[in-house]
């Protein structure tokens, strides 16, 4: 609901997976990823921000593999909210 520390989808370890189920089929054109800015971080760093990530499109939540929509890298020196266009 906001960008304050602790209000997020935290992952344990260096890798994680997230599946978002939508109410209808869509054809995305871009994705956004938001992380708190360094100025709001208690340590002054955002090393917990995702760095490299992949986005796949799935027909349903049980599908083992999907269509790769893009490979991206979050810029920790950039804006907190970053947009990534679909590459396929």
Protein backbone atom coordinates (compact mmCIF):
# COMPACT_ATOMS: atom_id res chain seq x y z
CA UNK A 1 0.00 0.00 0.00
CA UNK A 2 2.97 2.36 0.36
CA UNK A 3 6.76 2.54 0.04
CA UNK A 4 7.69 2.50 3.71
CA UNK A 5 10.23 -0.11 4.86
CA UNK A 6 8.56 -3.41 5.67
CA UNK A 7 5.47 -2.97 3.47
CA UNK A 8 6.60 -5.22 0.65
CA UNK A 9 6.79 -8.70 -0.77
CA UNK A 10 9.98 -9.75 0.97
CA UNK A 11 11.88 -12.85 -0.15
CA UNK A 12 14.22 -14.88 2.00
CA UNK A 13 17.61 -15.48 0.38
CA UNK A 14 18.96 -14.25 -2.92
CA UNK A 15 16.23 -15.69 -5.19
CA UNK A 16 12.46 -15.82 -5.19
CA UNK A 17 9.39 -16.38 -7.32
CA UNK A 18 6.16 -14.45 -7.43
CA UNK A 19 3.01 -15.40 -9.31
CA UNK A 20 0.25 -12.84 -9.74
CA UNK A 21 -3.08 -14.21 -10.89
CA UNK A 22 -5.23 -11.78 -12.84
CA UNK A 23 -8.99 -11.95 -13.31
CA UNK A 24 -8.69 -11.96 -17.10
CA UNK A 25 -6.13 -12.55 -19.84
CA UNK A 26 -4.04 -9.48 -20.70
CA UNK A 27 -1.28 -8.56 -23.12
CA UNK A 28 1.12 -6.42 -21.07
CA UNK A 29 3.25 -3.75 -22.70
CA UNK A 30 5.39 -2.88 -19.67
CA UNK A 31 6.01 -3.71 -16.01
CA UNK A 32 6.92 -1.45 -13.13
CA UNK A 33 8.97 -2.29 -10.07
CA UNK A 34 9.17 -0.01 -7.06
CA UNK A 35 11.57 -0.14 -4.13
CA UNK A 36 12.04 2.33 -1.32
CA UNK A 37 14.53 5.10 -2.06
CA UNK A 38 17.84 5.17 -0.22
CA UNK A 39 16.63 8.23 1.71
CA UNK A 40 13.88 6.16 3.40
CA UNK A 41 16.11 3.16 4.12
CA UNK A 42 17.19 2.86 7.78
CA UNK A 43 20.71 1.91 6.61
CA UNK A 44 20.93 4.42 3.77
CA UNK A 45 21.33 1.57 1.27
CA UNK A 46 18.91 -0.53 -0.75
CA UNK A 47 20.94 -3.69 -1.21
CA UNK A 48 17.72 -5.65 -0.67
CA UNK A 49 16.30 -4.28 -3.93
CA UNK A 50 15.97 -6.85 -6.70
CA UNK A 51 18.75 -6.52 -9.21
CA UNK A 52 18.24 -8.84 -12.16
CA UNK A 53 14.82 -10.37 -12.76
CA UNK A 54 12.85 -12.22 -15.42
CA UNK A 55 9.17 -11.86 -16.21
CA UNK A 56 7.21 -14.75 -17.71
CA UNK A 57 3.67 -14.87 -18.99
CA UNK A 58 1.70 -17.95 -17.94
CA UNK A 59 -1.65 -19.25 -19.14
CA UNK A 60 -2.46 -20.43 -15.61
CA UNK A 61 -0.80 -20.56 -12.19
CA UNK A 62 0.01 -24.27 -12.52
CA UNK A 63 2.00 -23.94 -15.73
CA UNK A 64 5.62 -25.06 -15.20
CA UNK A 65 7.16 -22.77 -17.80
CA UNK A 66 5.81 -19.79 -19.68
CA UNK A 67 6.71 -17.24 -22.31
CA UNK A 68 9.68 -15.07 -21.40
CA UNK A 69 8.48 -11.47 -21.66
CA UNK A 70 11.80 -9.90 -20.69
CA UNK A 71 14.99 -9.93 -18.67
CA UNK A 72 15.55 -6.76 -16.67
CA UNK A 73 17.83 -5.07 -14.17
CA UNK A 74 16.64 -2.67 -11.47
CA UNK A 75 18.95 0.36 -11.23
CA UNK A 76 19.58 1.01 -7.52
CA UNK A 77 20.92 4.47 -8.45
CA UNK A 78 17.79 5.30 -10.46
CA UNK A 79 14.30 6.37 -9.50
CA UNK A 80 12.44 4.25 -6.91
CA UNK A 81 9.69 3.43 -9.46
CA UNK A 82 11.11 2.04 -12.71
CA UNK A 83 9.31 0.91 -15.86
CA UNK A 84 10.45 -2.00 -18.02
CA UNK A 85 8.92 -2.55 -21.48
CA UNK A 86 7.96 -6.04 -22.64
CA UNK A 87 10.80 -7.28 -24.84
CA UNK A 88 8.81 -9.89 -26.79
